[in-house]
């Protein structure tokens, strides 16, 4: 009997390669030929590479399974590039070097980090995906990949690699409470624990309006009993929260971030979720009749699973993106 690849806990398979996170680099990289990579910090020999020099060396293939923290997995992705250990061997890390910080060509200053031992053994710099040059949205011309970790440890548009004595938690890890170890197989290492104290949760639940909370990441809240004082819920970032069964008909939730939250059985009739990040949300059994999901990010979003199916009569999906195959089929055949 042939045994196929195994999904980590909480993941769903796709044969696609959804674009997640930033979709384009900073203006410095408006022309891919301007790409440069520096290896600096606690090294004997700093390195600077231009794109042509890198491409002449980066001709090896790597195949691994992508596990995105938003809960999609693509098996057997094929890349072309160069193991980071080759460049580190040339740079010769100093004895005090214990961590590697990867910095991106990013308007947000996006960066991430790994222990030096893991970066040396597991990281590659890649420029091609499935035999074709890496698209800009996926981190081209050159990105980092770290096969053993969730994909946020695989930095797009790598610009600088700095060797450090102390860790420097990354953009997602420090700002959105993503787990710093990010191992898909070692238990729940998507996020750290809840981001605010119980008394702060109580104040949020009782707030007369939500202006002070807009754009502030709140992680892991149990909001099953939440009855909001206002349905103006724009730009609330309720990530990995338990919102099962909440009643929010007609809520204005534009540009919100509900990634990885559980909204099974929720009442979202006529809710406006336009432009929201709904990656990894579970809407199974929810009522989304006439809801507006236009322009929303839907990678690994579930509208149907073993527990039930969402009601989508009249729901708007114009310009939304990222659905995996099974969910797209369900949405497409729903009246």
C-alpha atoms as a PDB file:
ATOM      1  CA  UNK A   1       0.000   0.000   0.000  1.00  0.00           C
ATOM      2  CA  UNK A   2       1.311   3.442  -0.947  1.00  0.00           C
ATOM      3  CA  UNK A   3       1.060   6.040   1.775  1.00  0.00           C
ATOM      4  CA  UNK A   4       0.814   9.611   0.558  1.00  0.00           C
ATOM      5  CA  UNK A   5       2.098  12.760   2.241  1.00  0.00           C
ATOM      6  CA  UNK A   6       0.561  13.721   5.551  1.00  0.00           C
ATOM      7  CA  UNK A   7      -1.076  17.016   6.485  1.00  0.00           C
ATOM      8  CA  UNK A   8       0.007  18.684   9.716  1.00  0.00           C
ATOM      9  CA  UNK A   9      -2.801  19.291  12.225  1.00  0.00           C
ATOM     10  CA  UNK A  10      -5.331  21.892  11.063  1.00  0.00           C
ATOM     11  CA  UNK A  11      -4.078  22.096   7.462  1.00  0.00           C
ATOM     12  CA  UNK A  12      -5.985  21.573   4.200  1.00  0.00           C
ATOM     13  CA  UNK A  13      -4.407  20.589   0.891  1.00  0.00           C
ATOM     14  CA  UNK A  14      -4.300  22.708  -2.239  1.00  0.00           C
ATOM     15  CA  UNK A  15      -2.516  22.250  -5.550  1.00  0.00           C
ATOM     16  CA  UNK A  16      -2.395  26.021  -5.934  1.00  0.00           C
ATOM     17  CA  UNK A  17       0.166  28.490  -4.606  1.00  0.00           C
ATOM     18  CA  UNK A  18      -1.859  31.291  -2.967  1.00  0.00           C
ATOM     19  CA  UNK A  19      -0.217  34.681  -2.523  1.00  0.00           C
ATOM     20  CA  UNK A  20      -0.237  35.648   1.143  1.00  0.00           C
ATOM     21  CA  UNK A  21       1.109  38.686   2.972  1.00  0.00           C
ATOM     22  CA  UNK A  22       2.542  41.591   1.024  1.00  0.00           C
ATOM     23  CA  UNK A  23       1.985  41.374  -2.724  1.00  0.00           C
ATOM     24  CA  UNK A  24       4.842  43.585  -3.904  1.00  0.00           C
ATOM     25  CA  UNK A  25       8.234  44.737  -2.601  1.00  0.00           C
ATOM     26  CA  UNK A  26       9.328  48.246  -1.699  1.00  0.00           C
ATOM     27  CA  UNK A  27      10.087  50.799  -4.401  1.00  0.00           C
ATOM     28  CA  UNK A  28      13.813  49.957  -4.077  1.00  0.00           C
ATOM     29  CA  UNK A  29      13.075  46.765  -5.977  1.00  0.00           C
ATOM     30  CA  UNK A  30      10.824  48.225  -8.678  1.00  0.00           C
ATOM     31  CA  UNK A  31      13.398  46.852 -11.145  1.00  0.00           C
ATOM     32  CA  UNK A  32      14.365  43.244 -10.237  1.00  0.00           C
ATOM     33  CA  UNK A  33      17.818  43.808 -11.708  1.00  0.00           C
ATOM     34  CA  UNK A  34      18.489  46.172  -8.801  1.00  0.00           C
ATOM     35  CA  UNK A  35      18.334  43.253  -6.354  1.00  0.00           C
ATOM     36  CA  UNK A  36      21.328  42.969  -4.063  1.00  0.00           C
ATOM     37  CA  UNK A  37      21.935  40.669  -1.133  1.00  0.00           C
ATOM     38  CA  UNK A  38      24.182  41.492   1.811  1.00  0.00           C
ATOM     39  CA  UNK A  39      25.369  39.081   4.493  1.00  0.00           C
ATOM     40  CA  UNK A  40      26.571  41.189   7.401  1.00  0.00           C
ATOM     41  CA  UNK A  41      26.834  41.329  11.175  1.00  0.00           C
ATOM     42  CA  UNK A  42      28.900  38.841  13.152  1.00  0.00           C
ATOM     43  CA  UNK A  43      30.867  37.423  10.239  1.00  0.00           C
ATOM     44  CA  UNK A  44      34.550  37.453   9.307  1.00  0.00           C
ATOM     45  CA  UNK A  45      33.841  38.200   5.646  1.00  0.00           C
ATOM     46  CA  UNK A  46      30.739  40.248   4.759  1.00  0.00           C
ATOM     47  CA  UNK A  47      29.230  39.310   1.396  1.00  0.00           C
ATOM     48  CA  UNK A  48      27.465  41.343  -1.278  1.00  0.00           C
ATOM     49  CA  UNK A  49      25.878  39.656  -4.309  1.00  0.00           C
ATOM     50  CA  UNK A  50      24.107  41.083  -7.343  1.00  0.00           C
ATOM     51  CA  UNK A  51      21.408  39.139  -9.179  1.00  0.00           C
ATOM     52  CA  UNK A  52      23.528  37.915 -12.094  1.00  0.00           C
ATOM     53  CA  UNK A  53      26.235  36.589  -9.771  1.00  0.00           C
ATOM     54  CA  UNK A  54      23.651  34.840  -7.622  1.00  0.00           C
ATOM     55  CA  UNK A  55      21.906  33.221 -10.603  1.00  0.00           C
ATOM     56  CA  UNK A  56      25.153  31.732 -11.943  1.00  0.00           C
ATOM     57  CA  UNK A  57      25.528  29.840  -8.651  1.00  0.00           C
ATOM     58  CA  UNK A  58      21.937  29.039  -7.719  1.00  0.00           C
ATOM     59  CA  UNK A  59      21.181  26.028  -9.916  1.00  0.00           C
ATOM     60  CA  UNK A  60      20.246  23.274  -7.446  1.00  0.00           C
ATOM     61  CA  UNK A  61      16.772  21.878  -6.904  1.00  0.00           C
ATOM     62  CA  UNK A  62      14.848  21.497  -3.670  1.00  0.00           C
ATOM     63  CA  UNK A  63      11.456  19.815  -3.189  1.00  0.00           C
ATOM     64  CA  UNK A  64       9.411  20.224  -0.026  1.00  0.00           C
ATOM     65  CA  UNK A  65       5.850  20.652   1.264  1.00  0.00           C
ATOM     66  CA  UNK A  66       4.722  24.230   1.909  1.00  0.00           C
ATOM     67  CA  UNK A  67       2.742  24.670   5.131  1.00  0.00           C
ATOM     68  CA  UNK A  68       1.242  28.170   5.408  1.00  0.00           C
ATOM     69  CA  UNK A  69       0.148  29.378   8.826  1.00  0.00           C
ATOM     70  CA  UNK A  70      -3.213  30.349   7.317  1.00  0.00           C
ATOM     71  CA  UNK A  71      -3.777  26.556   7.133  1.00  0.00           C
ATOM     72  CA  UNK A  72      -3.141  25.579   3.504  1.00  0.00           C
ATOM     73  CA  UNK A  73      -0.534  23.028   2.442  1.00  0.00           C
ATOM     74  CA  UNK A  74       0.907  22.339  -1.002  1.00  0.00           C
ATOM     75  CA  UNK A  75       2.747  19.051  -1.316  1.00  0.00           C
ATOM     76  CA  UNK A  76       5.920  18.584  -3.346  1.00  0.00           C
ATOM     77  CA  UNK A  77       6.712  22.170  -4.336  1.00  0.00           C
ATOM     78  CA  UNK A  78       9.855  22.330  -6.515  1.00  0.00           C
ATOM     79  CA  UNK A  79      12.317  25.204  -6.223  1.00  0.00           C
ATOM     80  CA  UNK A  80      15.648  26.193  -7.756  1.00  0.00           C
ATOM     81  CA  UNK A  81      18.284  28.003  -5.755  1.00  0.00           C
ATOM     82  CA  UNK A  82      21.239  27.798  -3.408  1.00  0.00           C
ATOM     83  CA  UNK A  83      21.548  26.473   0.160  1.00  0.00           C
ATOM     84  CA  UNK A  84      22.251  29.285   2.595  1.00  0.00           C
ATOM     85  CA  UNK A  85      24.959  27.172   4.223  1.00  0.00           C
ATOM     86  CA  UNK A  86      27.153  27.736   1.141  1.00  0.00           C
ATOM     87  CA  UNK A  87      27.125  31.504   1.612  1.00  0.00           C
ATOM     88  CA  UNK A  88      27.513  31.218   5.380  1.00  0.00           C
ATOM     89  CA  UNK A  89      30.593  29.071   4.860  1.00  0.00           C
ATOM     90  CA  UNK A  90      32.100  31.911   2.836  1.00  0.00           C
ATOM     91  CA  UNK A  91      31.053  34.600   5.311  1.00  0.00           C
ATOM     92  CA  UNK A  92      32.452  32.584   8.260  1.00  0.00           C
ATOM     93  CA  UNK A  93      30.235  33.440  11.248  1.00  0.00           C
ATOM     94  CA  UNK A  94      31.996  34.631  14.383  1.00  0.00           C
ATOM     95  CA  UNK A  95      31.819  32.572  17.557  1.00  0.00           C
ATOM     96  CA  UNK A  96      29.251  34.919  19.113  1.00  0.00           C
ATOM     97  CA  UNK A  97      26.801  34.523  16.214  1.00  0.00           C
ATOM     98  CA  UNK A  98      23.747  32.556  17.350  1.00  0.00           C
ATOM     99  CA  UNK A  99      20.836  33.920  15.306  1.00  0.00           C
ATOM    100  CA  UNK A 100      20.120  34.970  11.732  1.00  0.00           C
ATOM    101  CA  UNK A 101      17.853  37.909  10.901  1.00  0.00           C
ATOM    102  CA  UNK A 102      16.413  38.004   7.371  1.00  0.00           C
ATOM    103  CA  UNK A 103      15.354  41.449   6.112  1.00  0.00           C
ATOM    104  CA  UNK A 104      13.166  42.151   3.076  1.00  0.00           C
ATOM    105  CA  UNK A 105      12.720  44.800   0.430  1.00  0.00           C
ATOM    106  CA  UNK A 106       9.470  45.761   2.136  1.00  0.00           C
ATOM    107  CA  UNK A 107       7.560  48.977   2.744  1.00  0.00           C
ATOM    108  CA  UNK A 108       6.664  47.565   6.165  1.00  0.00           C
ATOM    109  CA  UNK A 109      10.222  46.660   7.082  1.00  0.00           C
ATOM    110  CA  UNK A 110       9.308  42.980   7.032  1.00  0.00           C
ATOM    111  CA  UNK A 111      11.852  40.638   8.628  1.00  0.00           C
ATOM    112  CA  UNK A 112      12.049  37.290  10.406  1.00  0.00           C
ATOM    113  CA  UNK A 113      14.653  35.292  12.324  1.00  0.00           C
ATOM    114  CA  UNK A 114      15.933  31.787  13.012  1.00  0.00           C
ATOM    115  CA  UNK A 115      18.600  30.212  15.183  1.00  0.00           C
ATOM    116  CA  UNK A 116      21.856  30.050  13.230  1.00  0.00           C
ATOM    117  CA  UNK A 117      22.000  26.252  13.456  1.00  0.00           C
ATOM    118  CA  UNK A 118      18.534  25.917  11.876  1.00  0.00           C
ATOM    119  CA  UNK A 119      19.207  28.549   9.215  1.00  0.00           C
ATOM    120  CA  UNK A 120      22.446  26.820   8.245  1.00  0.00           C
ATOM    121  CA  UNK A 121      20.829  23.394   7.962  1.00  0.00           C
ATOM    122  CA  UNK A 122      17.410  24.275   6.538  1.00  0.00           C
ATOM    123  CA  UNK A 123      17.339  27.573   4.599  1.00  0.00           C
ATOM    124  CA  UNK A 124      17.735  28.099   0.874  1.00  0.00           C
ATOM    125  CA  UNK A 125      17.713  31.196  -1.311  1.00  0.00           C
ATOM    126  CA  UNK A 126      15.527  30.465  -4.336  1.00  0.00           C
ATOM    127  CA  UNK A 127      14.727  32.214  -7.615  1.00  0.00           C
ATOM    128  CA  UNK A 128      12.509  29.706  -9.465  1.00  0.00           C
ATOM    129  CA  UNK A 129       9.324  27.776  -8.663  1.00  0.00           C
ATOM    130  CA  UNK A 130       8.295  24.718 -10.669  1.00  0.00           C
ATOM    131  CA  UNK A 131      10.899  25.558 -13.290  1.00  0.00           C
ATOM    132  CA  UNK A 132       9.799  29.164 -13.896  1.00  0.00           C
ATOM    133  CA  UNK A 133      11.242  32.406 -12.509  1.00  0.00           C
ATOM    134  CA  UNK A 134       9.692  33.256  -9.164  1.00  0.00           C
ATOM    135  CA  UNK A 135       6.816  35.715  -9.563  1.00  0.00           C
ATOM    136  CA  UNK A 136       7.049  39.048  -7.773  1.00  0.00           C
ATOM    137  CA  UNK A 137       3.975  38.265  -5.654  1.00  0.00           C
ATOM    138  CA  UNK A 138       5.707  35.148  -4.385  1.00  0.00           C
ATOM    139  CA  UNK A 139       8.933  36.935  -3.486  1.00  0.00           C
ATOM    140  CA  UNK A 140      10.801  37.166  -6.790  1.00  0.00           C
ATOM    141  CA  UNK A 141      13.449  37.649  -7.869  1.00  0.00           C
ATOM    142  CA  UNK A 142      14.873  35.917  -4.756  1.00  0.00           C
ATOM    143  CA  UNK A 143      13.314  34.752  -1.501  1.00  0.00           C
ATOM    144  CA  UNK A 144      14.233  32.582   1.442  1.00  0.00           C
ATOM    145  CA  UNK A 145      12.583  29.190   2.017  1.00  0.00           C
ATOM    146  CA  UNK A 146      12.727  27.258   5.276  1.00  0.00           C
ATOM    147  CA  UNK A 147      11.120  23.859   4.598  1.00  0.00           C
ATOM    148  CA  UNK A 148      10.667  22.689   8.184  1.00  0.00           C
ATOM    149  CA  UNK A 149       8.765  25.760   9.364  1.00  0.00           C
ATOM    150  CA  UNK A 150       5.504  27.564   8.633  1.00  0.00           C
ATOM    151  CA  UNK A 151       5.891  29.690   5.533  1.00  0.00           C
ATOM    152  CA  UNK A 152       6.179  33.044   7.327  1.00  0.00           C
ATOM    153  CA  UNK A 153       9.736  31.929   8.121  1.00  0.00           C
ATOM    154  CA  UNK A 154      10.372  31.944   4.344  1.00  0.00           C
ATOM    155  CA  UNK A 155      10.970  35.639   3.696  1.00  0.00           C
ATOM    156  CA  UNK A 156      10.013  37.229   0.376  1.00  0.00           C
ATOM    157  CA  UNK A 157      12.346  39.663  -1.459  1.00  0.00           C
ATOM    158  CA  UNK A 158      15.331  38.995   0.791  1.00  0.00           C
ATOM    159  CA  UNK A 159      17.630  41.997   1.004  1.00  0.00           C
ATOM    160  CA  UNK A 160      19.925  41.475   3.968  1.00  0.00           C
ATOM    161  CA  UNK A 161      20.958  38.552   6.162  1.00  0.00           C
ATOM    162  CA  UNK A 162      22.440  39.677   9.472  1.00  0.00           C
ATOM    163  CA  UNK A 163      24.113  37.350  11.955  1.00  0.00           C
ATOM    164  CA  UNK A 164      23.394  38.364  15.539  1.00  0.00           C
ATOM    165  CA  UNK A 165      24.290  37.373  19.082  1.00  0.00           C
ATOM    166  CA  UNK A 166      20.707  37.861  20.328  1.00  0.00           C
ATOM    167  CA  UNK A 167      17.438  37.020  18.630  1.00  0.00           C
ATOM    168  CA  UNK A 168      15.426  39.718  16.862  1.00  0.00           C
ATOM    169  CA  UNK A 169      11.814  38.493  16.588  1.00  0.00           C
ATOM    170  CA  UNK A 170      10.321  39.131  13.186  1.00  0.00           C
ATOM    171  CA  UNK A 171       7.565  41.412  11.915  1.00  0.00           C
ATOM    172  CA  UNK A 172       4.833  38.774  12.176  1.00  0.00           C
ATOM    173  CA  UNK A 173       6.183  37.328  15.391  1.00  0.00           C
ATOM    174  CA  UNK A 174       6.419  40.645  17.242  1.00  0.00           C
ATOM    175  CA  UNK A 175       3.403  42.409  15.743  1.00  0.00           C
ATOM    176  CA  UNK A 176       0.895  39.606  15.170  1.00  0.00           C
ATOM    177  CA  UNK A 177       1.945  37.080  17.826  1.00  0.00           C
ATOM    178  CA  UNK A 178       3.007  34.393  15.376  1.00  0.00           C
ATOM    179  CA  UNK A 179       4.968  31.670  17.142  1.00  0.00           C
ATOM    180  CA  UNK A 180       8.718  32.262  16.955  1.00  0.00           C
ATOM    181  CA  UNK A 181       9.519  28.568  16.480  1.00  0.00           C
ATOM    182  CA  UNK A 182       6.812  27.965  13.826  1.00  0.00           C
ATOM    183  CA  UNK A 183       7.063  24.177  13.630  1.00  0.00           C
ATOM    184  CA  UNK A 184       3.871  22.799  11.964  1.00  0.00           C
ATOM    185  CA  UNK A 185       4.379  19.395  13.572  1.00  0.00           C
ATOM    186  CA  UNK A 186       5.272  20.284  17.174  1.00  0.00           C
ATOM    187  CA  UNK A 187       1.806  20.969  18.562  1.00  0.00           C
ATOM    188  CA  UNK A 188       0.162  24.357  18.149  1.00  0.00           C
ATOM    189  CA  UNK A 189       2.968  26.651  17.022  1.00  0.00           C
ATOM    190  CA  UNK A 190       0.955  28.991  14.800  1.00  0.00           C
ATOM    191  CA  UNK A 191       0.541  31.665  17.459  1.00  0.00           C
ATOM    192  CA  UNK A 192       1.623  32.469  20.963  1.00  0.00           C
ATOM    193  CA  UNK A 193      -1.039  32.736  23.677  1.00  0.00           C
ATOM    194  CA  UNK A 194      -3.738  35.415  23.775  1.00  0.00           C
ATOM    195  CA  UNK A 195      -2.477  38.940  23.260  1.00  0.00           C
ATOM    196  CA  UNK A 196      -4.486  40.767  25.949  1.00  0.00           C
ATOM    197  CA  UNK A 197      -5.314  40.078  29.599  1.00  0.00           C
ATOM    198  CA  UNK A 198      -8.763  38.902  30.783  1.00  0.00           C
ATOM    199  CA  UNK A 199      -9.580  42.344  32.193  1.00  0.00           C
ATOM    200  CA  UNK A 200      -8.709  43.888  28.825  1.00  0.00           C
ATOM    201  CA  UNK A 201     -10.947  41.381  27.066  1.00  0.00           C
ATOM    202  CA  UNK A 202     -13.773  42.371  29.415  1.00  0.00           C
ATOM    203  CA  UNK A 203     -13.254  46.057  28.577  1.00  0.00           C
ATOM    204  CA  UNK A 204     -13.298  45.286  24.864  1.00  0.00           C
ATOM    205  CA  UNK A 205     -16.519  43.300  25.173  1.00  0.00           C
ATOM    206  CA  UNK A 206     -18.181  46.121  27.131  1.00  0.00           C
ATOM    207  CA  UNK A 207     -16.812  49.001  25.021  1.00  0.00           C
ATOM    208  CA  UNK A 208     -19.429  51.547  23.814  1.00  0.00           C
ATOM    209  CA  UNK A 209     -17.526  51.775  20.516  1.00  0.00           C
ATOM    210  CA  UNK A 210     -14.412  50.208  19.026  1.00  0.00           C
ATOM    211  CA  UNK A 211     -12.396  53.181  17.798  1.00  0.00           C
ATOM    212  CA  UNK A 212      -9.437  52.541  20.134  1.00  0.00           C
ATOM    213  CA  UNK A 213      -9.214  48.928  18.982  1.00  0.00           C
ATOM    214  CA  UNK A 214      -9.147  49.483  15.231  1.00  0.00           C
ATOM    215  CA  UNK A 215      -5.965  48.114  13.664  1.00  0.00           C
ATOM    216  CA  UNK A 216      -4.827  46.569  16.948  1.00  0.00           C
ATOM    217  CA  UNK A 217      -4.153  42.837  16.823  1.00  0.00           C
ATOM    218  CA  UNK A 218      -6.133  40.892  19.416  1.00  0.00           C
ATOM    219  CA  UNK A 219      -5.306  37.233  19.519  1.00  0.00           C
ATOM    220  CA  UNK A 220      -7.064  34.163  20.851  1.00  0.00           C
ATOM    221  CA  UNK A 221     -10.116  35.819  22.445  1.00  0.00           C
ATOM    222  CA  UNK A 222     -13.179  33.793  23.414  1.00  0.00           C
ATOM    223  CA  UNK A 223     -16.002  35.963  22.035  1.00  0.00           C
ATOM    224  CA  UNK A 224     -18.792  33.395  21.782  1.00  0.00           C
ATOM    225  CA  UNK A 225     -21.003  35.442  24.122  1.00  0.00           C
ATOM    226  CA  UNK A 226     -20.106  38.814  22.551  1.00  0.00           C
ATOM    227  CA  UNK A 227     -23.032  41.153  21.900  1.00  0.00           C
ATOM    228  CA  UNK A 228     -21.347  44.255  20.475  1.00  0.00           C
ATOM    229  CA  UNK A 229     -22.697  47.653  21.481  1.00  0.00           C
ATOM    230  CA  UNK A 230     -22.193  48.858  17.919  1.00  0.00           C
ATOM    231  CA  UNK A 231     -22.128  47.103  14.567  1.00  0.00           C
ATOM    232  CA  UNK A 232     -19.403  49.470  13.350  1.00  0.00           C
ATOM    233  CA  UNK A 233     -16.678  46.816  13.509  1.00  0.00           C
ATOM    234  CA  UNK A 234     -14.450  48.178  10.774  1.00  0.00           C
ATOM    235  CA  UNK A 235     -10.727  47.329  10.936  1.00  0.00           C
ATOM    236  CA  UNK A 236     -10.981  45.088  13.981  1.00  0.00           C
ATOM    237  CA  UNK A 237      -8.153  42.537  14.005  1.00  0.00           C
ATOM    238  CA  UNK A 238      -9.600  39.532  15.830  1.00  0.00           C
ATOM    239  CA  UNK A 239      -7.160  36.785  14.875  1.00  0.00           C
ATOM    240  CA  UNK A 240      -7.497  33.162  15.942  1.00  0.00           C
ATOM    241  CA  UNK A 241     -10.571  34.074  18.014  1.00  0.00           C
ATOM    242  CA  UNK A 242     -13.549  31.926  18.953  1.00  0.00           C
ATOM    243  CA  UNK A 243     -16.610  33.634  17.456  1.00  0.00           C
ATOM    244  CA  UNK A 244     -18.802  30.581  17.091  1.00  0.00           C
ATOM    245  CA  UNK A 245     -22.481  31.451  16.981  1.00  0.00           C
ATOM    246  CA  UNK A 246     -22.090  35.222  17.314  1.00  0.00           C
ATOM    247  CA  UNK A 247     -24.945  37.322  15.955  1.00  0.00           C
ATOM    248  CA  UNK A 248     -23.678  40.153  13.752  1.00  0.00           C
ATOM    249  CA  UNK A 249     -26.342  40.694  11.059  1.00  0.00           C
ATOM    250  CA  UNK A 250     -25.664  43.828   9.050  1.00  0.00           C
ATOM    251  CA  UNK A 251     -22.311  44.469  10.753  1.00  0.00           C
ATOM    252  CA  UNK A 252     -19.838  46.766   9.014  1.00  0.00           C
ATOM    253  CA  UNK A 253     -16.655  44.692   9.155  1.00  0.00           C
ATOM    254  CA  UNK A 254     -14.804  46.177   6.216  1.00  0.00           C
ATOM    255  CA  UNK A 255     -11.000  45.776   6.212  1.00  0.00           C
ATOM    256  CA  UNK A 256     -11.096  43.578   9.285  1.00  0.00           C
ATOM    257  CA  UNK A 257      -8.667  40.754   9.971  1.00  0.00           C
ATOM    258  CA  UNK A 258     -10.304  37.585  11.220  1.00  0.00           C
ATOM    259  CA  UNK A 259      -7.607  35.176  10.075  1.00  0.00           C
ATOM    260  CA  UNK A 260      -7.778  31.679  11.609  1.00  0.00           C
ATOM    261  CA  UNK A 261     -10.886  32.623  13.629  1.00  0.00           C
ATOM    262  CA  UNK A 262     -13.769  30.212  14.157  1.00  0.00           C
ATOM    263  CA  UNK A 263     -17.112  31.653  12.992  1.00  0.00           C
ATOM    264  CA  UNK A 264     -19.006  28.411  12.619  1.00  0.00           C
ATOM    265  CA  UNK A 265     -22.722  28.993  13.015  1.00  0.00           C
ATOM    266  CA  UNK A 266     -22.379  32.792  13.137  1.00  0.00           C
ATOM    267  CA  UNK A 267     -25.172  35.067  11.880  1.00  0.00           C
ATOM    268  CA  UNK A 268     -23.513  37.331   9.316  1.00  0.00           C
ATOM    269  CA  UNK A 269     -26.480  38.086   7.091  1.00  0.00           C
ATOM    270  CA  UNK A 270     -25.862  41.280   5.079  1.00  0.00           C
ATOM    271  CA  UNK A 271     -22.538  41.813   6.878  1.00  0.00           C
ATOM    272  CA  UNK A 272     -19.984  43.875   4.974  1.00  0.00           C
ATOM    273  CA  UNK A 273     -16.624  42.052   5.007  1.00  0.00           C
ATOM    274  CA  UNK A 274     -15.233  43.778   1.912  1.00  0.00           C
ATOM    275  CA  UNK A 275     -11.454  44.012   1.788  1.00  0.00           C
ATOM    276  CA  UNK A 276     -11.004  41.814   4.868  1.00  0.00           C
ATOM    277  CA  UNK A 277      -8.370  39.206   5.644  1.00  0.00           C
ATOM    278  CA  UNK A 278     -10.387  36.024   6.116  1.00  0.00           C
ATOM    279  CA  UNK A 279      -7.545  33.560   5.558  1.00  0.00           C
ATOM    280  CA  UNK A 280      -8.105  30.330   7.432  1.00  0.00           C
ATOM    281  CA  UNK A 281     -11.500  31.418   8.848  1.00  0.00           C
ATOM    282  CA  UNK A 282     -14.032  28.628   9.367  1.00  0.00           C
ATOM    283  CA  UNK A 283     -17.518  29.780   8.262  1.00  0.00           C
ATOM    284  CA  UNK A 284     -19.072  26.282   8.188  1.00  0.00           C
ATOM    285  CA  UNK A 285     -22.724  26.545   9.211  1.00  0.00           C
ATOM    286  CA  UNK A 286     -22.627  30.358   9.282  1.00  0.00           C
ATOM    287  CA  UNK A 287     -25.337  32.433   7.588  1.00  0.00           C
ATOM    288  CA  UNK A 288     -23.626  34.735   5.078  1.00  0.00           C
ATOM    289  CA  UNK A 289     -26.740  35.443   3.026  1.00  0.00           C
ATOM    290  CA  UNK A 290     -26.279  38.718   1.112  1.00  0.00           C
ATOM    291  CA  UNK A 291     -22.945  39.323   2.867  1.00  0.00           C
ATOM    292  CA  UNK A 292     -20.309  41.288   0.940  1.00  0.00           C
ATOM    293  CA  UNK A 293     -16.939  39.500   0.790  1.00  0.00           C
ATOM    294  CA  UNK A 294     -15.678  41.412  -2.241  1.00  0.00           C
ATOM    295  CA  UNK A 295     -11.920  41.916  -2.372  1.00  0.00           C
ATOM    296  CA  UNK A 296     -11.347  39.662   0.629  1.00  0.00           C
ATOM    297  CA  UNK A 297      -8.422  37.264   1.115  1.00  0.00           C
ATOM    298  CA  UNK A 298      -9.775  33.717   1.307  1.00  0.00           C
ATOM    299  CA  UNK A 299      -6.798  31.363   1.251  1.00  0.00           C
ATOM    300  CA  UNK A 300      -7.740  28.253   3.265  1.00  0.00           C
ATOM    301  CA  UNK A 301     -11.076  29.837   4.266  1.00  0.00           C
ATOM    302  CA  UNK A 302     -13.681  27.138   4.928  1.00  0.00           C
ATOM    303  CA  UNK A 303     -17.344  27.523   3.973  1.00  0.00           C
ATOM    304  CA  UNK A 304     -18.059  23.820   4.210  1.00  0.00           C
ATOM    305  CA  UNK A 305     -16.532  21.036   6.288  1.00  0.00           C
ATOM    306  CA  UNK A 306     -17.619  17.913   8.117  1.00  0.00           C
ATOM    307  CA  UNK A 307     -19.620  19.967  10.603  1.00  0.00           C
ATOM    308  CA  UNK A 308     -21.836  21.738   8.085  1.00  0.00           C
ATOM    309  CA  UNK A 309     -22.090  24.265   5.253  1.00  0.00           C
ATOM    310  CA  UNK A 310     -22.446  28.023   5.161  1.00  0.00           C
ATOM    311  CA  UNK A 311     -25.532  29.711   3.727  1.00  0.00           C
ATOM    312  CA  UNK A 312     -24.314  31.910   0.877  1.00  0.00           C
ATOM    313  CA  UNK A 313     -27.497  32.969  -0.914  1.00  0.00           C
ATOM    314  CA  UNK A 314     -26.809  36.370  -2.443  1.00  0.00           C
ATOM    315  CA  UNK A 315     -23.305  36.617  -1.020  1.00  0.00           C
ATOM    316  CA  UNK A 316     -20.897  38.754  -3.070  1.00  0.00           C
ATOM    317  CA  UNK A 317     -17.407  37.398  -3.860  1.00  0.00           C
ATOM    318  CA  UNK A 318     -16.312  39.868  -6.544  1.00  0.00           C
ATOM    319  CA  UNK A 319     -12.484  40.259  -6.644  1.00  0.00           C
ATOM    320  CA  UNK A 320     -12.005  37.966  -3.641  1.00  0.00           C
ATOM    321  CA  UNK A 321      -9.040  35.627  -3.996  1.00  0.00           C
ATOM    322  CA  UNK A 322      -7.229  32.599  -2.622  1.00  0.00           C
ATOM    323  CA  UNK A 323      -9.906  29.909  -2.235  1.00  0.00           C
ATOM    324  CA  UNK A 324      -8.607  26.344  -2.354  1.00  0.00           C
ATOM    325  CA  UNK A 325     -10.214  24.000  -4.857  1.00  0.00           C
ATOM    326  CA  UNK A 326     -12.805  22.257  -2.666  1.00  0.00           C
ATOM    327  CA  UNK A 327     -14.088  25.530  -1.206  1.00  0.00           C
ATOM    328  CA  UNK A 328     -14.157  27.245  -4.576  1.00  0.00           C
ATOM    329  CA  UNK A 329     -16.285  24.402  -5.941  1.00  0.00           C
ATOM    330  CA  UNK A 330     -18.737  24.790  -3.058  1.00  0.00           C
ATOM    331  CA  UNK A 331     -18.946  28.581  -3.433  1.00  0.00           C
ATOM    332  CA  UNK A 332     -19.347  28.295  -7.197  1.00  0.00           C
ATOM    333  CA  UNK A 333     -22.252  25.900  -7.043  1.00  0.00           C
ATOM    334  CA  UNK A 334     -24.074  27.673  -4.228  1.00  0.00           C
ATOM    335  CA  UNK A 335     -27.043  29.746  -5.488  1.00  0.00           C
END
